[in-house]
Protein backbone atom coordinates (compact mmCIF):
# COMPACT_ATOMS: atom_id res chain seq x y z
CA MET A 1 0.03 0.18 0.20
CA SER A 2 2.91 2.09 1.04
CA ALA A 3 4.08 2.05 -2.63
CA LEU A 4 1.05 2.85 -4.23
CA ALA A 5 0.78 5.81 -2.38
CA ARG A 6 4.51 6.84 -3.28
CA LEU A 7 3.59 6.03 -7.03
CA LEU A 8 0.46 8.03 -6.77
CA ASN A 9 1.88 11.03 -5.23
CA ALA A 10 5.33 10.87 -7.89
CA ARG A 11 2.21 11.30 -10.30
CA ASP A 12 1.10 14.36 -8.54
CA ILE A 13 -2.38 12.43 -7.43
CA PRO A 14 -3.28 13.31 -4.49
CA VAL A 15 -3.70 10.41 -1.62
CA SER A 16 -4.15 10.47 1.88
CA GLY A 17 -4.70 7.28 3.90
CA SER A 18 -4.55 5.15 7.36
CA ASP A 19 -3.34 2.26 9.08
CA LYS A 20 -4.14 0.42 12.21
CA GLU A 21 -1.14 1.71 14.28
CA ASP A 22 1.89 4.44 13.39
CA SER A 23 5.23 3.07 12.16
CA ASP A 24 8.63 4.24 10.35
CA PHE A 25 6.93 3.37 7.15
CA LEU A 26 4.21 6.03 8.11
CA ASN A 27 6.64 8.71 9.01
CA ASP A 28 8.87 7.84 5.55
CA LEU A 29 5.37 8.73 3.40
CA ARG A 30 4.89 12.23 5.45
CA SER A 31 8.75 13.34 4.84
CA GLU A 32 7.92 12.24 1.12
CA GLY A 33 4.60 15.06 1.38
CA ILE A 34 1.79 12.46 1.68
CA LYS A 35 1.07 14.30 4.85
CA ASN A 36 -2.72 13.42 5.07
CA ILE A 37 -2.37 10.04 7.14
CA TRP A 38 -3.66 9.30 10.13
CA THR A 39 -3.99 5.96 13.11
CA PRO A 40 -6.01 4.12 13.94
CA HIS A 41 -8.59 3.54 10.90
CA LYS A 42 -11.47 6.18 11.60
CA LYS A 43 -14.40 6.85 9.40
CA GLU A 44 -14.23 10.76 10.56
CA GLU A 45 -10.97 11.50 9.21
CA LEU A 46 -12.29 9.65 6.07
CA GLU A 47 -15.45 11.92 5.81
CA LYS A 48 -13.31 15.28 5.98
CA ILE A 49 -11.40 14.49 2.65
CA ASN A 50 -13.93 13.07 0.75
CA PRO A 51 -12.11 10.87 -1.35
CA ASP A 52 -12.96 9.72 -4.60
CA TYR A 53 -11.54 6.50 -4.33
CA VAL A 54 -11.13 4.41 -1.09
CA VAL A 55 -8.41 1.60 -2.09
CA TYR A 56 -7.97 -1.17 0.52
CA SER A 57 -5.98 -4.74 1.15
CA THR A 58 -6.20 -7.63 1.98
CA ALA A 59 -5.69 -7.16 5.63
CA VAL A 60 -8.76 -5.24 6.22
CA LEU A 61 -11.47 -6.65 6.73
CA GLY A 62 -15.06 -5.71 5.22
CA THR A 63 -16.30 -4.47 8.65
CA ASN A 64 -13.63 -1.86 8.88
CA GLU A 65 -15.39 1.55 9.66
CA GLU A 66 -13.82 3.06 6.82
CA VAL A 67 -14.76 0.56 4.03
CA THR A 68 -18.21 0.51 5.65
CA TRP A 69 -18.46 4.55 5.12
CA ALA A 70 -17.26 4.42 1.50
CA LYS A 71 -19.91 1.45 0.75
CA GLU A 72 -22.63 3.25 2.72
CA LYS A 73 -20.99 6.63 0.26
CA LYS A 74 -21.19 4.77 -2.66
CA LYS A 75 -17.20 5.83 -3.29
CA ASN A 76 -15.74 3.77 -5.88
CA ILE A 77 -13.74 0.60 -3.99
CA LEU A 78 -10.51 -1.02 -5.23
CA HIS A 79 -8.64 -3.74 -3.79
CA ARG A 80 -5.04 -2.81 -3.84
CA SER A 81 -4.57 -4.81 -6.78
CA GLU A 82 -7.15 -3.78 -9.05
CA LEU A 83 -5.18 0.24 -8.71
CA LEU A 84 -2.19 -1.30 -9.41
CA GLU A 85 -3.86 -3.00 -12.54
CA LYS A 86 -5.39 0.27 -13.46
CA LEU A 87 -1.42 1.84 -13.15
CA THR A 88 0.08 -0.62 -14.61
CA ASP A 89 -2.31 -0.50 -17.71
CA GLU A 90 -0.01 1.27 -20.13
CA LYS A 91 3.06 -0.67 -19.80
CA LYS A 92 4.89 -3.96 -20.42
CA LEU A 93 4.21 -5.40 -17.14
CA ILE A 94 7.09 -7.71 -15.58
CA SER A 95 5.55 -9.61 -12.84
CA VAL A 96 7.35 -11.69 -10.66
CA SER A 97 5.80 -14.39 -8.30
CA GLY A 98 6.26 -17.20 -6.09
CA THR A 99 6.08 -18.51 -2.34
CA HIS A 100 9.69 -17.26 -1.54
CA GLY A 101 11.52 -14.56 -3.56
CA LYS A 102 9.25 -12.55 -4.69
CA THR A 103 10.32 -9.32 -3.53
CA THR A 104 14.18 -9.76 -3.70
CA THR A 105 13.79 -10.77 -7.40
CA SER A 106 11.56 -8.24 -8.94
CA SER A 107 13.79 -5.56 -6.77
CA MET A 108 16.98 -7.28 -8.78
CA VAL A 109 15.22 -7.35 -12.03
CA SER A 110 14.24 -3.16 -11.16
CA GLU A 111 17.49 -2.38 -10.61
CA ILE A 112 19.31 -4.16 -13.51
CA LEU A 113 16.70 -2.11 -15.28
CA LEU A 114 17.66 0.67 -14.13
CA SER A 115 21.39 0.18 -14.66
CA CYS A 116 20.66 -0.30 -18.02
CA ASN A 117 18.83 2.90 -18.40
CA LEU A 118 15.57 1.78 -18.93
CA ASN A 119 13.98 3.75 -16.22
CA PRO A 120 10.83 1.28 -15.38
CA SER A 121 8.64 1.98 -12.75
CA ALA A 122 8.27 -0.54 -10.12
CA ILE A 123 6.11 -1.62 -6.87
CA LEU A 124 8.10 -4.15 -4.54
CA GLY A 125 7.57 -5.56 -1.43
CA GLY A 126 10.13 -4.12 0.73
CA LEU A 127 12.27 -1.01 0.98
CA LEU A 128 15.47 -1.14 -1.30
CA VAL A 129 18.46 -0.09 0.87
CA SER A 130 20.15 1.62 -1.75
CA THR A 131 17.14 4.32 -2.18
CA ASN A 132 14.64 3.32 1.03
CA THR A 133 11.88 3.07 -1.48
CA ASN A 134 9.84 0.05 -2.75
CA ALA A 135 8.46 2.05 -5.79
CA MET A 136 9.81 3.75 -8.78
CA ALA A 137 7.91 5.85 -10.94
CA GLY A 138 10.13 5.59 -14.34
CA THR A 139 8.99 7.36 -17.82
CA GLY A 140 10.44 3.76 -19.88
CA GLU A 141 8.25 1.12 -21.13
CA TYR A 142 8.71 -1.46 -18.60
CA PHE A 143 6.94 -1.86 -15.07
CA VAL A 144 8.04 -4.64 -12.85
CA ILE A 145 5.73 -5.48 -10.05
CA GLU A 146 5.88 -8.12 -7.21
CA ALA A 147 2.92 -10.63 -7.95
CA ASP A 148 0.98 -11.54 -4.99
CA GLU A 149 0.01 -15.14 -4.96
CA SER A 150 -1.74 -14.94 -1.50
CA ASP A 151 -4.84 -13.61 -2.54
CA LYS A 152 -5.13 -14.57 -6.06
CA SER A 153 -4.65 -11.10 -7.37
CA PHE A 154 -1.40 -12.10 -9.05
CA LEU A 155 -4.02 -13.25 -11.98
CA LYS A 156 -4.90 -9.74 -12.43
CA GLY A 157 -3.41 -7.72 -15.01
CA THR A 158 -1.62 -9.14 -18.58
CA PRO A 159 2.06 -9.36 -18.34
CA GLU A 160 4.66 -9.46 -20.97
CA ILE A 161 7.06 -11.45 -18.88
CA ALA A 162 5.92 -14.07 -16.05
CA VAL A 163 8.41 -15.17 -13.33
CA ILE A 164 7.65 -18.00 -10.77
CA THR A 165 10.31 -18.28 -8.48
CA ASN A 166 8.86 -21.51 -6.57
CA ILE A 167 5.24 -23.17 -5.77
CA GLU A 168 4.33 -24.48 -2.00
CA ALA A 169 1.67 -24.54 0.53
CA ASP A 170 0.78 -20.82 2.22
CA HIS A 171 -1.87 -18.71 2.62
CA LEU A 172 -3.93 -22.06 2.41
CA GLU A 173 -7.02 -19.94 3.91
CA ASN A 174 -7.57 -18.72 0.44
CA TYR A 175 -6.95 -21.73 -1.44
CA PRO A 176 -9.05 -24.07 0.66
CA GLY A 177 -8.47 -26.71 -2.45
CA GLY A 178 -5.03 -26.67 -0.88
CA ILE A 179 -1.72 -27.14 -3.18
CA GLU A 180 -3.48 -28.54 -6.13
CA GLU A 181 -5.65 -25.21 -6.08
CA ILE A 182 -2.70 -22.86 -6.14
CA LYS A 183 -0.67 -24.90 -8.97
CA LYS A 184 -3.76 -24.05 -11.06
CA SER A 185 -3.73 -20.88 -10.06
CA PHE A 186 -0.12 -20.22 -10.87
CA LEU A 187 -0.60 -22.17 -14.36
CA GLU A 188 -3.18 -19.67 -15.27
CA PHE A 189 -0.56 -16.92 -13.85
CA ALA A 190 1.98 -18.41 -16.12
CA LYS A 191 -0.64 -18.89 -19.60
CA LYS A 192 -1.27 -15.23 -19.41
CA ALA A 193 2.48 -14.62 -19.51
CA LYS A 194 2.27 -12.29 -23.49
CA ASN A 195 6.28 -12.37 -24.77
CA GLY A 196 8.22 -14.84 -22.17
CA ARG A 197 8.35 -16.83 -18.98
CA VAL A 198 11.20 -17.09 -16.33
CA CYS A 199 10.57 -20.58 -14.46
CA CYS A 200 12.97 -22.29 -11.26
CA PHE A 201 13.18 -25.40 -12.30
CA GLU A 202 15.29 -26.13 -8.94
CA ASP A 203 11.87 -26.44 -7.53
CA LYS A 204 10.26 -30.07 -8.01
CA ILE A 205 6.31 -28.05 -8.58
CA THR A 206 7.64 -25.58 -10.58
CA ARG A 207 8.80 -27.53 -13.31
CA ASP A 208 6.37 -30.31 -13.48
CA LEU A 209 3.54 -27.88 -13.54
CA ILE A 210 5.83 -25.55 -16.55
CA SER A 211 6.79 -29.29 -18.35
CA ASN A 212 3.60 -30.26 -18.20
CA ASN A 213 2.02 -27.47 -19.77
CA PHE A 214 4.50 -25.72 -22.16
CA ASP A 215 7.12 -26.34 -24.72
CA LEU A 216 10.38 -26.35 -23.11
CA LYS A 217 12.40 -25.42 -26.79
CA ASP A 218 10.54 -22.81 -26.50
CA GLU A 219 13.44 -19.42 -26.22
CA ASN A 220 10.83 -17.23 -24.64
CA LEU A 221 11.02 -19.66 -21.62
CA ILE A 222 13.41 -19.69 -19.74
CA THR A 223 14.24 -22.53 -16.80
CA TYR A 224 16.69 -21.66 -14.38
CA GLY A 225 18.66 -23.81 -11.30
CA ILE A 226 21.71 -24.71 -9.52
CA ASN A 227 24.30 -26.74 -10.42
CA GLY A 228 22.16 -28.85 -13.01
CA GLU A 229 22.23 -29.63 -16.99
CA ASN A 230 18.81 -29.36 -17.09
CA PHE A 231 18.30 -25.58 -16.92
CA LYS A 232 18.83 -23.11 -19.52
CA LEU A 233 20.17 -21.09 -17.39
CA ASN A 234 22.40 -22.37 -14.56
CA ALA A 235 25.11 -21.53 -12.00
CA ARG A 236 28.21 -23.22 -10.94
CA LEU A 237 29.90 -22.32 -8.02
CA ASN A 238 34.05 -21.43 -9.21
CA ASN A 239 37.02 -21.88 -7.02
CA SER A 240 37.10 -17.93 -6.51
CA LYS A 241 33.62 -18.36 -4.47
CA SER A 242 31.77 -17.05 -7.38
CA TRP A 243 29.11 -17.98 -9.34
CA ASP A 244 29.69 -18.86 -13.36
CA VAL A 245 26.34 -18.10 -15.10
CA PHE A 246 25.81 -20.65 -18.35
CA TYR A 247 22.67 -20.30 -20.58
CA ASN A 248 22.21 -23.06 -23.28
CA GLY A 249 25.87 -24.44 -22.03
CA LYS A 250 27.20 -21.40 -23.37
CA LEU A 251 29.47 -19.71 -20.30
CA LEU A 252 27.96 -15.81 -20.16
CA THR A 253 29.59 -14.29 -17.29
CA SER A 254 30.36 -14.69 -13.44
CA PHE A 255 28.77 -12.81 -10.32
CA LYS A 256 29.42 -12.17 -6.68
CA LEU A 257 26.37 -11.13 -4.45
CA GLN A 258 26.56 -9.07 -1.07
CA LYS A 259 24.10 -11.35 0.17
CA PRO A 260 24.37 -15.18 1.47
CA GLY A 261 22.04 -18.22 0.41
CA GLU A 262 22.19 -19.96 -2.40
CA HIS A 263 18.10 -19.01 -2.58
CA ASN A 264 19.61 -15.53 -3.14
CA VAL A 265 21.78 -16.72 -5.90
CA LEU A 266 18.61 -18.33 -7.75
CA ASN A 267 17.11 -15.10 -7.23
CA ALA A 268 19.83 -13.60 -8.94
CA LEU A 269 19.14 -16.27 -11.73
CA ALA A 270 15.36 -15.53 -12.08
CA ALA A 271 16.39 -11.81 -12.73
CA PHE A 272 19.29 -12.57 -14.97
CA GLY A 273 16.06 -14.50 -17.26
CA VAL A 274 14.56 -11.34 -17.66
CA GLY A 275 17.44 -9.53 -18.72
CA ILE A 276 18.12 -12.39 -21.38
CA LEU A 277 14.49 -12.01 -22.50
CA LEU A 278 15.08 -8.23 -22.81
CA LYS A 279 18.14 -8.73 -24.63
CA LEU A 280 20.38 -6.89 -22.06
CA ASP A 281 24.17 -6.90 -22.02
CA ALA A 282 24.98 -9.82 -19.48
CA ASN A 283 28.06 -7.58 -18.41
CA LEU A 284 25.61 -4.79 -17.16
CA ILE A 285 23.28 -7.59 -15.56
CA LYS A 286 26.41 -8.89 -14.03
CA ALA A 287 27.59 -5.46 -12.58
CA SER A 288 24.34 -4.84 -11.50
CA LEU A 289 23.64 -7.88 -9.31
CA GLU A 290 27.28 -7.04 -7.81
CA LYS A 291 25.92 -3.85 -6.82
CA TYR A 292 22.64 -5.02 -5.39
CA GLN A 293 22.32 -3.98 -1.84
CA GLY A 294 19.01 -6.16 -1.08
CA VAL A 295 15.96 -4.78 0.33
CA LYS A 296 15.33 -3.93 3.89
CA ARG A 297 14.11 -7.15 6.11
CA ARG A 298 15.64 -9.48 4.02
CA PHE A 299 18.75 -10.33 5.72
CA GLN A 300 19.46 -6.59 6.42
CA VAL A 301 22.43 -6.29 8.68
CA LEU A 302 21.54 -3.69 10.93
CA GLY A 303 24.39 -2.98 12.77
CA ILE A 304 27.25 -4.18 15.09
CA LYS A 305 27.79 -3.29 18.42
CA GLU A 306 29.96 -4.75 21.55
CA ASN A 307 30.80 -7.29 18.51
CA ILE A 308 27.51 -8.33 17.66
CA THR A 309 26.00 -8.50 14.96
CA PHE A 310 22.21 -8.00 14.25
CA VAL A 311 20.34 -9.37 11.34
CA ASP A 312 16.21 -8.63 10.50
CA ASP A 313 14.93 -10.71 8.28
CA TYR A 314 10.92 -10.98 7.29
CA ALA A 315 11.24 -15.07 6.74
CA HIS A 316 8.06 -16.70 7.99
CA HIS A 317 7.53 -19.58 6.05
CA PRO A 318 8.95 -22.91 7.22
CA THR A 319 11.24 -23.13 4.04
CA GLU A 320 12.31 -19.34 4.62
CA VAL A 321 13.36 -20.08 7.96
CA ARG A 322 15.21 -22.84 7.15
CA GLU A 323 17.15 -20.99 3.66
CA THR A 324 17.91 -18.32 6.04
CA ILE A 325 19.09 -19.98 9.01
CA LYS A 326 21.21 -21.97 6.26
CA ALA A 327 22.37 -18.20 4.78
CA ALA A 328 23.49 -17.44 8.47
CA LYS A 329 25.74 -20.47 8.86
CA GLU A 330 27.57 -19.70 6.13
CA LEU A 331 28.63 -16.59 7.45
CA ASN A 332 30.33 -18.57 10.48
CA PRO A 333 29.61 -16.87 13.40
CA ASN A 334 31.40 -17.85 16.84
CA ARG A 335 27.70 -18.19 18.04
CA LEU A 336 24.36 -18.07 16.00
CA VAL A 337 21.45 -16.71 17.92
CA ILE A 338 17.89 -17.25 16.46
CA VAL A 339 14.65 -15.03 17.28
CA PHE A 340 11.86 -16.09 15.51
CA GLN A 341 8.19 -14.90 15.80
CA PRO A 342 5.33 -16.86 13.63
CA HIS A 343 3.19 -15.58 11.82
CA GLN A 344 -0.96 -15.70 11.85
CA PRO A 345 -2.87 -18.60 13.69
CA THR A 346 -3.78 -19.69 10.20
CA ARG A 347 -0.14 -20.05 8.77
CA LEU A 348 1.07 -21.76 12.44
CA LYS A 349 -2.07 -24.39 11.92
CA ASP A 350 -1.74 -25.25 8.62
CA LEU A 351 2.30 -25.75 8.55
CA TRP A 352 2.69 -27.09 12.07
CA ASP A 353 4.80 -29.71 11.30
CA GLU A 354 6.71 -28.18 8.95
CA PHE A 355 7.61 -25.80 11.43
CA LYS A 356 8.55 -27.67 13.79
CA ASP A 357 10.78 -29.91 11.21
CA VAL A 358 12.57 -26.84 11.14
CA PHE A 359 13.45 -26.12 14.62
CA LYS A 360 13.70 -29.81 15.89
CA ASP A 361 17.69 -30.44 15.26
CA LEU A 362 18.97 -26.84 15.62
CA ASP A 363 22.46 -26.73 17.59
CA SER A 364 22.02 -22.89 17.93
CA PRO A 365 20.05 -21.25 21.09
CA THR A 366 16.56 -20.35 19.54
CA PHE A 367 14.10 -18.77 20.92
CA ILE A 368 10.27 -18.41 19.55
CA THR A 369 8.07 -15.49 20.57
CA GLU A 370 4.43 -15.43 20.80
CA THR A 371 2.47 -15.21 17.24
CA TYR A 372 1.89 -12.09 15.84
CA ILE A 373 -1.96 -12.03 14.71
CA ALA A 374 -2.17 -9.30 11.65
CA ARG A 375 -5.47 -10.24 10.92
CA GLY A 376 -8.12 -12.66 12.24
CA SER A 377 -7.79 -14.10 15.78
CA GLN A 378 -6.19 -17.01 18.05
CA ILE A 379 -7.13 -20.50 17.52
CA ASP A 380 -7.54 -22.87 20.13
CA GLY A 381 -4.65 -25.32 20.52
CA ILE A 382 -2.34 -23.16 18.26
CA ASN A 383 -0.08 -21.32 19.79
CA SER A 384 4.06 -20.72 20.14
CA LYS A 385 4.14 -22.51 23.63
CA LYS A 386 2.63 -25.83 22.77
CA LEU A 387 4.79 -25.63 19.39
CA VAL A 388 7.91 -25.46 21.50
CA GLU A 389 6.36 -28.35 23.19
CA GLU A 390 6.56 -30.48 20.53
CA ILE A 391 9.42 -29.76 19.13
CA ASN A 392 11.80 -31.12 22.02
CA ASN A 393 14.59 -29.31 21.48
CA THR A 394 16.51 -28.17 24.71
CA ASN A 395 17.82 -25.57 22.41
CA VAL A 396 14.79 -24.21 21.64
CA LYS A 397 13.07 -22.18 24.53
CA TYR A 398 9.56 -20.55 24.40
CA LEU A 399 10.01 -16.33 25.20
CA PRO A 400 6.60 -14.86 26.34
CA GLY A 401 5.73 -11.13 26.66
CA ASP A 402 5.78 -7.88 24.65
CA LEU A 403 9.05 -6.88 22.87
CA ASP A 404 10.26 -4.40 25.68
CA GLN A 405 9.88 -7.99 27.91
CA ILE A 406 11.89 -9.77 24.91
CA ASN A 407 14.66 -6.76 24.88
CA SER A 408 15.23 -7.42 28.35
CA GLN A 409 15.88 -10.82 28.41
CA LEU A 410 17.84 -11.17 25.29
CA LYS A 411 20.22 -8.08 25.99
CA ASP A 412 21.53 -10.61 29.06
CA PHE A 413 21.79 -13.20 27.32
CA ILE A 414 23.80 -12.05 24.18
CA LYS A 415 27.61 -11.84 24.33
CA PRO A 416 30.45 -10.51 21.83
CA GLY A 417 31.02 -12.37 19.39
CA ASP A 418 27.46 -13.45 18.64
CA THR A 419 24.88 -13.19 15.23
CA VAL A 420 22.00 -12.35 16.28
CA LEU A 421 19.09 -13.57 13.74
CA ILE A 422 15.51 -12.08 13.96
CA MET A 423 13.03 -13.33 12.04
CA GLY A 424 9.64 -13.03 11.09
CA ALA A 425 6.63 -10.86 9.07
CA GLY A 426 4.96 -8.91 12.15
CA ASN A 427 6.57 -6.12 14.82
CA ILE A 428 9.65 -8.64 15.62
CA THR A 429 11.45 -6.24 13.10
CA ASN A 430 11.57 -3.48 15.88
CA LEU A 431 13.37 -5.80 18.22
CA GLY A 432 16.87 -5.26 16.28
CA PRO A 433 17.34 -1.92 16.57
CA ALA A 434 15.65 -2.03 20.44
CA LEU A 435 18.82 -4.36 21.13
CA LEU A 436 21.42 -2.37 19.19
CA ARG A 437 20.18 0.44 21.67
CA ALA A 438 20.36 -2.04 24.71
CA VAL A 439 23.44 -3.21 24.39
C-alpha cells in the first residue's frame, strides 16, 4: 500500500490514508510529502477528505469502519490489486511471483533495468536499501511488480514476462483446495504471459507444472537452477567463490552477490533470465547484481555493536526460515542466536509439522516468541508455547512477553561474538533496533 501511495504521489495525484498503528513506514511517507495520514482507522477522518476512490488491502476486513462508510457513500472502492492494474495498464508488465523470493527477485529486476537506462516503474514488497523506497515512477515502457499470490491478486493484469520463483503450500485460508488449487492458479498466471516466462526448475512443483503444460524448447521460456544440466540458465560455484552463469551451455559471465545463501543465487538467476529475454548485456546484468545491496528486512544487517551482529529478516514460512538460518551459518559466526516470531495462527496451524521440522535439530540457541496476529484471531490449541513443547529440543525456548520484555531478556543473554538473527513478518522487526540500543 505504501508503494502505491508513493507512485500516486509521484504522479501528482492527491493521496491520503490510514493504518491501524503508527510506524516508521508512515513517517517516511509523511517526510516525502504525503501528509494526510492518520491512525487508527477512523471514518471521521475519511469524511473530512471525501475521496473519489477508497483503496483497501486484503488485511482490511469488510467490517472496517472506513470501508463501511465508503460503501454507504457509494464511493469507488478498489482492492489494491485493482488499483495496481489501472496504474500499470499502459506499460509492459514484468510480474514476479512465487511463494518465496518475490521481493528480492523483483527488486533485482528493477535495479537491472535501472542500470541499463530503461527507466522502469516498479512496485515492490520491500524497501530497497539503496534508495529507501519500494516504488519507482519511471518514464520507460517497463513496469516491474511483485505479483502477490497470497490472495490470488497475481491473476490480475496481463504480464509481458511472468516469473515463477517456486510454488509451495501457503495462505491456505485463500486456497481451500490446497496445493492443487495453488498449482492451478500459478498455471493460469504463467499462461497469461504474452512474451516470456522465467521459471525455477530447481523447484520440483514448478518444474512439473511448467514441463507438463509448455513447450520447453520455446526460446521465450527460460528455466533456471543451480548445478544442473537440465536448466537453460544455470549457475555453478567456481574456485573463486563466485558463480559462473551458463545459458544453453555457454558461459556468459560470473557474479558474486553481497548477500549469502543459495536462495539469493536463485533469485539472481531469475532476474538474469528476465535480462536475457529483454536482450540486455550480460556484463551490465552482472554489474547490477554485484552492486545490489538488498531489500530491508531481507537478511538486513542492522548493525554491529560490542562485536555483536544484528540481522533482521522477513522469513515467516518454514522454507524461508530454514534457508535464512542456512545463509546465516555460511557466515561462520562464533555463535548464532535465533529469534523467531510466528506470523498468523492460520499459517502456524496449516504448517505446524513443517515448523517443527525446521527447529527440531537446531544446535543454535533459539527463542520463539508469541505468534503475531495481523488479522483474524487466535486459534484454540495453536500457539508458540505448544509448538516449542512439541519441537522438544533443549536449544529451542519459548520466549513470551511484549517486545520490551523480550528485549530485556535477550540483552542479558547475548554476548560479544554473537550473530543475532531475528525473523518474522510481524512487529518483531522492531526488536533489532531496540537490542542495538540496549547492548
